[in-house]
Amino acid sequence: MELGDIPKPSYGPGPEAPESSTPGLVAMAHGFLRLVQPNPLPVALRAQEPSGAPVLCCLSFFLSQLLLYELGFLVCAAIGVLFIILMPLVGCCFGCCRC
C-alpha cells in the first residue's frame, strides 16, 4: 500500500489568548484575581496526612488551610455584605432623620 506524497505537518506555536477590545479591563480583572488569591489550591495537603493521626485532626488542618486559601474571597464577601446591609440603612437614616 503506497500513500503517495503526504507532506509532513508543520506545527506552529501553542494556543494564544484571544485579542480583547478592552485590554485595560482584562488586565485589571487579572490583577484583582492575583491580589485576592495569590496561592495555588492546596490539594496535596489531603494526601500528606500523618499516619496514625485521628481523621478529625487531619480534617481540621485541611479546612484551616482551605480557609486560608480562600481568605481573600472571604474578606471581599464580608465587605460586600456590609456594603449591601449598611448602605440602605445609612440612606434610610439620612432620608428619615435629615441629619
Protein backbone atom coordinates (compact mmCIF):
# COMPACT_ATOMS: atom_id res chain seq x y z
CA MET A 1 0.00 0.00 0.00
CA GLU A 2 1.52 3.23 -1.11
CA LEU A 3 0.48 6.57 0.34
CA GLY A 4 1.90 8.88 -2.27
CA ASP A 5 3.20 12.34 -1.49
CA ILE A 6 2.00 13.22 2.00
CA PRO A 7 3.67 16.38 3.26
CA LYS A 8 4.99 16.48 6.80
CA PRO A 9 2.85 18.63 9.08
CA SER A 10 4.22 21.94 10.21
CA TYR A 11 3.35 22.89 13.76
CA GLY A 12 3.02 26.48 14.88
CA PRO A 13 3.18 27.99 18.34
CA GLY A 14 0.76 26.86 21.04
CA PRO A 15 -2.66 28.38 21.63
CA GLU A 16 -2.69 32.06 22.43
CA ALA A 17 -5.14 34.16 24.38
CA PRO A 18 -7.72 35.82 22.14
CA GLU A 19 -7.32 39.51 21.47
CA SER A 20 -9.57 41.68 23.56
CA SER A 21 -11.15 45.02 22.73
CA THR A 22 -10.67 46.10 26.37
CA PRO A 23 -7.12 45.11 27.39
CA GLY A 24 -7.16 47.51 30.36
CA LEU A 25 -10.24 45.85 31.83
CA VAL A 26 -8.77 42.37 31.32
CA ALA A 27 -5.51 43.42 33.00
CA MET A 28 -7.43 44.94 35.91
CA ALA A 29 -9.50 41.77 36.40
CA HIS A 30 -6.41 39.54 36.32
CA GLY A 31 -4.63 41.89 38.73
CA PHE A 32 -7.57 41.70 41.14
CA LEU A 33 -7.62 37.90 40.99
CA ARG A 34 -3.85 37.72 41.59
CA LEU A 35 -4.25 40.08 44.56
CA VAL A 36 -7.18 38.22 46.12
CA GLN A 37 -5.92 34.67 45.57
CA PRO A 38 -2.15 34.59 45.01
CA ASN A 39 -1.53 30.98 46.11
CA PRO A 40 -2.42 27.76 44.31
CA LEU A 41 -5.06 25.41 45.72
CA PRO A 42 -3.56 23.20 48.49
CA VAL A 43 -4.75 19.89 47.02
CA ALA A 44 -1.69 17.94 48.20
CA LEU A 45 -2.48 18.61 51.87
CA ARG A 46 -5.10 15.84 51.98
CA ALA A 47 -2.59 13.27 50.70
CA GLN A 48 0.03 14.23 53.32
CA GLU A 49 -1.95 13.33 56.41
CA PRO A 50 0.27 11.76 59.08
CA SER A 51 -0.15 8.05 59.67
CA GLY A 52 -1.92 7.13 62.88
CA ALA A 53 -3.37 10.62 63.38
CA PRO A 54 -7.09 10.94 64.03
CA VAL A 55 -9.18 11.81 60.99
CA LEU A 56 -10.71 14.81 62.77
CA CYS A 57 -7.26 16.34 63.25
CA CYS A 58 -6.40 15.97 59.57
CA LEU A 59 -9.78 17.29 58.51
CA SER A 60 -9.47 20.38 60.70
CA PHE A 61 -5.95 21.00 59.37
CA PHE A 62 -7.19 20.68 55.79
CA LEU A 63 -10.13 23.01 56.44
CA SER A 64 -7.89 25.59 58.08
CA GLN A 65 -5.57 25.51 55.05
CA LEU A 66 -8.55 25.77 52.70
CA LEU A 67 -9.95 28.76 54.62
CA LEU A 68 -6.53 30.39 54.50
CA TYR A 69 -6.51 29.80 50.73
CA GLU A 70 -9.97 31.39 50.36
CA LEU A 71 -9.25 34.26 52.79
CA GLY A 72 -9.16 36.91 50.07
CA PHE A 73 -12.56 35.96 48.71
CA LEU A 74 -13.98 35.74 52.24
CA VAL A 75 -12.81 39.29 53.00
CA CYS A 76 -14.31 40.55 49.72
CA ALA A 77 -17.60 38.80 50.50
CA ALA A 78 -17.68 40.28 54.03
CA ILE A 79 -17.09 43.79 52.66
CA GLY A 80 -19.83 43.22 50.07
CA VAL A 81 -22.33 42.03 52.68
CA LEU A 82 -21.53 45.02 54.90
CA PHE A 83 -21.97 47.32 51.93
CA ILE A 84 -25.32 45.74 50.99
CA ILE A 85 -26.62 46.00 54.55
CA LEU A 86 -25.14 49.34 55.66
CA MET A 87 -25.77 51.42 52.53
CA PRO A 88 -29.59 51.18 52.62
CA LEU A 89 -29.59 51.55 56.41
CA VAL A 90 -27.49 54.74 56.32
CA GLY A 91 -29.55 56.05 53.39
CA CYS A 92 -32.76 55.40 55.32
CA CYS A 93 -31.37 57.21 58.37
CA PHE A 94 -30.35 60.22 56.27
CA GLY A 95 -33.67 60.22 54.45
CA CYS A 96 -35.82 59.93 57.57
CA CYS A 97 -33.83 62.00 60.05
CA ARG A 98 -32.46 64.62 57.60
CA CYS A 99 -29.28 64.93 59.62
